[in-house]
């Protein structure tokens, strides 16, 4: 692997590390009842839903449908009234 390939690999790894960190912060914030975690988790699930649909359309129907359905359920759970009520109360 040449230096350009290593640089690209490091950039991609850093990007995925930041995305993972943002998702972890969002999940932790939701568990703590903080409102700012909801959009972080919602955006991640929207990406996962789109990737699931594209995977299903690309020929991997079972994997794509499973990812899309799971993401849809989490999106509904994050937007449910009970979740919104939980995160709109003062921080615990």
N, C-alpha and C. Protein backbone atom coordinates (compact mmCIF):
# COMPACT_ATOMS: atom_id res chain seq x y z
N UNK A 1 0.85 -1.18 0.00
CA UNK A 1 0.00 0.00 0.00
C UNK A 1 0.89 1.24 0.00
N UNK A 2 0.62 2.15 -0.89
CA UNK A 2 1.41 3.37 -0.97
C UNK A 2 0.91 4.40 0.05
N UNK A 3 1.59 5.51 0.13
CA UNK A 3 1.25 6.52 1.14
C UNK A 3 -0.11 7.16 0.88
N UNK A 4 -0.50 7.29 -0.40
CA UNK A 4 -1.82 7.86 -0.71
C UNK A 4 -2.92 6.93 -0.23
N UNK A 5 -2.71 5.63 -0.40
CA UNK A 5 -3.70 4.66 0.06
C UNK A 5 -3.81 4.66 1.58
N UNK A 6 -2.69 4.80 2.27
CA UNK A 6 -2.71 4.87 3.73
C UNK A 6 -3.42 6.13 4.22
N UNK A 7 -3.16 7.24 3.54
CA UNK A 7 -3.82 8.48 3.91
C UNK A 7 -5.33 8.39 3.75
N UNK A 8 -5.76 7.81 2.65
CA UNK A 8 -7.19 7.63 2.42
C UNK A 8 -7.80 6.73 3.48
N UNK A 9 -7.10 5.65 3.80
CA UNK A 9 -7.58 4.74 4.82
C UNK A 9 -7.70 5.43 6.18
N UNK A 10 -6.72 6.26 6.51
CA UNK A 10 -6.77 6.98 7.79
C UNK A 10 -7.93 7.98 7.82
N UNK A 11 -8.19 8.66 6.71
CA UNK A 11 -9.30 9.61 6.66
C UNK A 11 -10.63 8.88 6.83
N UNK A 12 -10.79 7.76 6.16
CA UNK A 12 -12.04 6.99 6.28
C UNK A 12 -12.19 6.46 7.70
N UNK A 13 -11.11 5.96 8.28
CA UNK A 13 -11.17 5.45 9.65
C UNK A 13 -11.52 6.57 10.63
N UNK A 14 -10.95 7.75 10.45
CA UNK A 14 -11.26 8.88 11.32
C UNK A 14 -12.73 9.30 11.17
N UNK A 15 -13.24 9.28 9.93
CA UNK A 15 -14.64 9.61 9.70
C UNK A 15 -15.56 8.64 10.43
N UNK A 16 -15.30 7.34 10.29
CA UNK A 16 -16.14 6.35 10.96
C UNK A 16 -16.02 6.43 12.48
N UNK A 17 -14.85 6.78 12.97
CA UNK A 17 -14.68 6.96 14.41
C UNK A 17 -15.52 8.13 14.91
N UNK A 18 -15.54 9.23 14.16
CA UNK A 18 -16.36 10.38 14.55
C UNK A 18 -17.85 10.06 14.50
N UNK A 19 -18.27 9.32 13.47
CA UNK A 19 -19.68 8.94 13.37
C UNK A 19 -20.06 8.04 14.53
N UNK A 20 -19.19 7.09 14.87
CA UNK A 20 -19.45 6.19 15.99
C UNK A 20 -19.51 6.96 17.30
N UNK A 21 -18.62 7.91 17.47
CA UNK A 21 -18.62 8.72 18.68
C UNK A 21 -19.90 9.56 18.78
N UNK A 22 -20.33 10.13 17.68
CA UNK A 22 -21.57 10.93 17.68
C UNK A 22 -22.77 10.05 18.02
N UNK A 23 -22.82 8.83 17.48
CA UNK A 23 -23.92 7.92 17.79
C UNK A 23 -23.88 7.51 19.26
N UNK A 24 -22.71 7.25 19.79
CA UNK A 24 -22.59 6.88 21.21
C UNK A 24 -23.02 8.03 22.11
N UNK A 25 -22.63 9.26 21.77
CA UNK A 25 -23.04 10.42 22.55
C UNK A 25 -24.56 10.60 22.47
N UNK A 26 -25.12 10.41 21.28
CA UNK A 26 -26.57 10.54 21.13
C UNK A 26 -27.33 9.49 21.92
N UNK A 27 -26.87 8.25 21.87
CA UNK A 27 -27.54 7.18 22.62
C UNK A 27 -27.43 7.43 24.13
N UNK A 28 -26.26 7.84 24.58
CA UNK A 28 -26.08 8.14 26.01
C UNK A 28 -26.97 9.30 26.43
N UNK A 29 -27.05 10.33 25.59
CA UNK A 29 -27.89 11.48 25.91
C UNK A 29 -29.35 11.08 26.00
N UNK A 30 -29.80 10.23 25.09
CA UNK A 30 -31.19 9.77 25.16
C UNK A 30 -31.45 8.99 26.44
N UNK A 31 -30.51 8.14 26.82
CA UNK A 31 -30.69 7.37 28.05
C UNK A 31 -30.69 8.27 29.28
N UNK A 32 -30.00 9.40 29.20
CA UNK A 32 -29.98 10.35 30.31
C UNK A 32 -31.17 11.32 30.27
N UNK A 33 -31.96 11.24 29.22
CA UNK A 33 -33.13 12.11 29.10
C UNK A 33 -32.81 13.48 28.54
N UNK A 34 -31.74 13.60 27.81
CA UNK A 34 -31.36 14.90 27.22
C UNK A 34 -31.87 14.96 25.79
N UNK A 35 -32.40 16.09 25.44
CA UNK A 35 -33.06 16.23 24.14
C UNK A 35 -32.10 16.23 22.96
N UNK A 36 -30.86 16.69 23.10
CA UNK A 36 -29.96 16.81 21.96
C UNK A 36 -29.56 15.46 21.39
N UNK A 37 -29.79 14.37 22.09
CA UNK A 37 -29.43 13.06 21.58
C UNK A 37 -30.41 12.54 20.55
N UNK A 38 -31.62 13.03 20.58
CA UNK A 38 -32.66 12.54 19.67
C UNK A 38 -32.32 12.78 18.20
N UNK A 39 -31.92 13.97 17.78
CA UNK A 39 -31.58 14.16 16.37
C UNK A 39 -30.38 13.34 15.91
N UNK A 40 -29.39 13.15 16.80
CA UNK A 40 -28.23 12.35 16.42
C UNK A 40 -28.63 10.92 16.09
N UNK A 41 -29.45 10.33 16.93
CA UNK A 41 -29.90 8.96 16.70
C UNK A 41 -30.84 8.90 15.50
N UNK A 42 -31.68 9.89 15.35
CA UNK A 42 -32.63 9.91 14.24
C UNK A 42 -31.91 9.99 12.89
N UNK A 43 -30.92 10.85 12.78
CA UNK A 43 -30.17 10.97 11.52
C UNK A 43 -29.44 9.66 11.20
N UNK A 44 -28.83 9.04 12.20
CA UNK A 44 -28.16 7.77 11.99
C UNK A 44 -29.15 6.71 11.49
N UNK A 45 -30.33 6.66 12.07
CA UNK A 45 -31.32 5.67 11.66
C UNK A 45 -31.87 5.96 10.27
N UNK A 46 -31.98 7.22 9.90
CA UNK A 46 -32.39 7.54 8.53
C UNK A 46 -31.37 7.06 7.52
N UNK A 47 -30.08 7.25 7.84
CA UNK A 47 -29.03 6.72 6.97
C UNK A 47 -29.12 5.20 6.88
N UNK A 48 -29.32 4.54 8.01
CA UNK A 48 -29.41 3.08 8.02
C UNK A 48 -30.63 2.61 7.22
N UNK A 49 -31.74 3.34 7.29
CA UNK A 49 -32.93 2.99 6.52
C UNK A 49 -32.66 3.09 5.02
N UNK A 50 -32.02 4.17 4.61
CA UNK A 50 -31.70 4.35 3.19
C UNK A 50 -30.74 3.28 2.71
N UNK A 51 -29.73 2.96 3.53
CA UNK A 51 -28.79 1.91 3.16
C UNK A 51 -29.50 0.57 3.08
N UNK A 52 -30.44 0.31 3.97
CA UNK A 52 -31.20 -0.94 3.93
C UNK A 52 -32.04 -1.05 2.66
N UNK A 53 -32.68 0.03 2.27
CA UNK A 53 -33.47 0.02 1.03
C UNK A 53 -32.57 -0.22 -0.17
N UNK A 54 -31.44 0.47 -0.22
CA UNK A 54 -30.52 0.29 -1.35
C UNK A 54 -29.95 -1.13 -1.39
N UNK A 55 -29.70 -1.71 -0.23
CA UNK A 55 -29.21 -3.09 -0.17
C UNK A 55 -30.26 -4.05 -0.68
N UNK A 56 -31.51 -3.83 -0.29
CA UNK A 56 -32.59 -4.69 -0.76
C UNK A 56 -32.78 -4.56 -2.26
N UNK A 57 -32.71 -3.35 -2.78
CA UNK A 57 -32.86 -3.15 -4.22
C UNK A 57 -31.66 -3.67 -5.00
N UNK A 58 -30.51 -3.79 -4.31
CA UNK A 58 -29.30 -4.28 -4.96
C UNK A 58 -29.22 -5.79 -5.03
N UNK A 59 -30.20 -6.50 -4.51
CA UNK A 59 -30.21 -7.94 -4.63
C UNK A 59 -30.13 -8.70 -3.32
N UNK A 60 -29.73 -8.07 -2.24
CA UNK A 60 -29.67 -8.72 -0.93
C UNK A 60 -30.96 -8.41 -0.18
N UNK A 61 -32.05 -9.02 -0.62
CA UNK A 61 -33.38 -8.67 -0.13
C UNK A 61 -33.52 -8.88 1.37
N UNK A 62 -33.10 -10.02 1.88
CA UNK A 62 -33.30 -10.32 3.30
C UNK A 62 -32.50 -9.38 4.20
N UNK A 63 -31.25 -9.16 3.87
CA UNK A 63 -30.41 -8.27 4.68
C UNK A 63 -30.92 -6.83 4.60
N UNK A 64 -31.23 -6.37 3.41
CA UNK A 64 -31.71 -5.01 3.23
C UNK A 64 -33.05 -4.76 3.90
N UNK A 65 -33.97 -5.72 3.74
CA UNK A 65 -35.29 -5.57 4.36
C UNK A 65 -35.17 -5.59 5.89
N UNK A 66 -34.30 -6.44 6.40
CA UNK A 66 -34.09 -6.49 7.85
C UNK A 66 -33.55 -5.18 8.39
N UNK A 67 -32.56 -4.62 7.71
CA UNK A 67 -31.99 -3.35 8.13
C UNK A 67 -33.01 -2.22 8.04
N UNK A 68 -33.79 -2.20 6.96
CA UNK A 68 -34.79 -1.14 6.78
C UNK A 68 -35.90 -1.26 7.83
N UNK A 69 -36.35 -2.46 8.10
CA UNK A 69 -37.41 -2.65 9.09
C UNK A 69 -36.93 -2.28 10.48
N UNK A 70 -35.73 -2.74 10.84
CA UNK A 70 -35.18 -2.41 12.16
C UNK A 70 -34.98 -0.90 12.31
N UNK A 71 -34.47 -0.26 11.28
CA UNK A 71 -34.29 1.19 11.33
C UNK A 71 -35.63 1.91 11.43
N UNK A 72 -36.63 1.43 10.70
CA UNK A 72 -37.96 2.03 10.77
C UNK A 72 -38.56 1.92 12.16
N UNK A 73 -38.37 0.78 12.81
CA UNK A 73 -38.89 0.60 14.17
C UNK A 73 -38.20 1.56 15.13
N UNK A 74 -36.89 1.71 15.00
CA UNK A 74 -36.16 2.62 15.89
C UNK A 74 -36.57 4.07 15.62
N UNK A 75 -36.77 4.43 14.35
CA UNK A 75 -37.24 5.78 14.03
C UNK A 75 -38.59 6.05 14.68
N UNK A 76 -39.49 5.09 14.59
CA UNK A 76 -40.80 5.26 15.24
C UNK A 76 -40.66 5.35 16.76
N UNK A 77 -39.75 4.57 17.33
CA UNK A 77 -39.56 4.61 18.78
C UNK A 77 -38.96 5.94 19.22
N UNK A 78 -38.02 6.48 18.44
CA UNK A 78 -37.40 7.76 18.80
C UNK A 78 -38.41 8.90 18.68
N UNK A 79 -39.34 8.79 17.74
CA UNK A 79 -40.33 9.85 17.53
C UNK A 79 -41.62 9.63 18.30
N UNK A 80 -41.71 8.55 19.07
CA UNK A 80 -42.94 8.25 19.82
C UNK A 80 -43.17 9.31 20.90
N UNK A 81 -44.43 9.47 21.25
CA UNK A 81 -44.80 10.48 22.24
C UNK A 81 -44.12 10.22 23.58
N UNK A 82 -44.01 8.96 23.98
CA UNK A 82 -43.39 8.66 25.27
C UNK A 82 -41.91 9.05 25.27
N UNK A 83 -41.22 8.85 24.15
CA UNK A 83 -39.81 9.25 24.07
C UNK A 83 -39.68 10.76 24.09
N UNK A 84 -40.53 11.44 23.33
CA UNK A 84 -40.49 12.90 23.30
C UNK A 84 -40.80 13.46 24.69
N UNK A 85 -41.78 12.88 25.37
CA UNK A 85 -42.09 13.32 26.74
C UNK A 85 -40.91 13.09 27.67
N UNK A 86 -40.23 11.96 27.50
CA UNK A 86 -39.09 11.62 28.37
C UNK A 86 -37.94 12.60 28.19
N UNK A 87 -37.67 13.02 26.96
CA UNK A 87 -36.53 13.90 26.73
C UNK A 87 -36.87 15.38 26.86
N UNK A 88 -38.14 15.73 26.97
CA UNK A 88 -38.48 17.16 27.13
C UNK A 88 -38.57 17.56 28.59
N UNK A 89 -38.50 16.62 29.49
CA UNK A 89 -38.49 16.95 30.92
C UNK A 89 -37.10 17.48 31.25
N UNK A 90 -36.99 18.16 32.34
CA UNK A 90 -35.69 18.67 32.74
C UNK A 90 -34.70 17.53 32.89
N UNK A 91 -33.43 17.77 32.61
CA UNK A 91 -32.42 16.70 32.71
C UNK A 91 -32.38 16.07 34.10
N UNK A 92 -32.13 14.78 34.10
CA UNK A 92 -32.09 14.04 35.37
C UNK A 92 -30.72 14.07 35.97
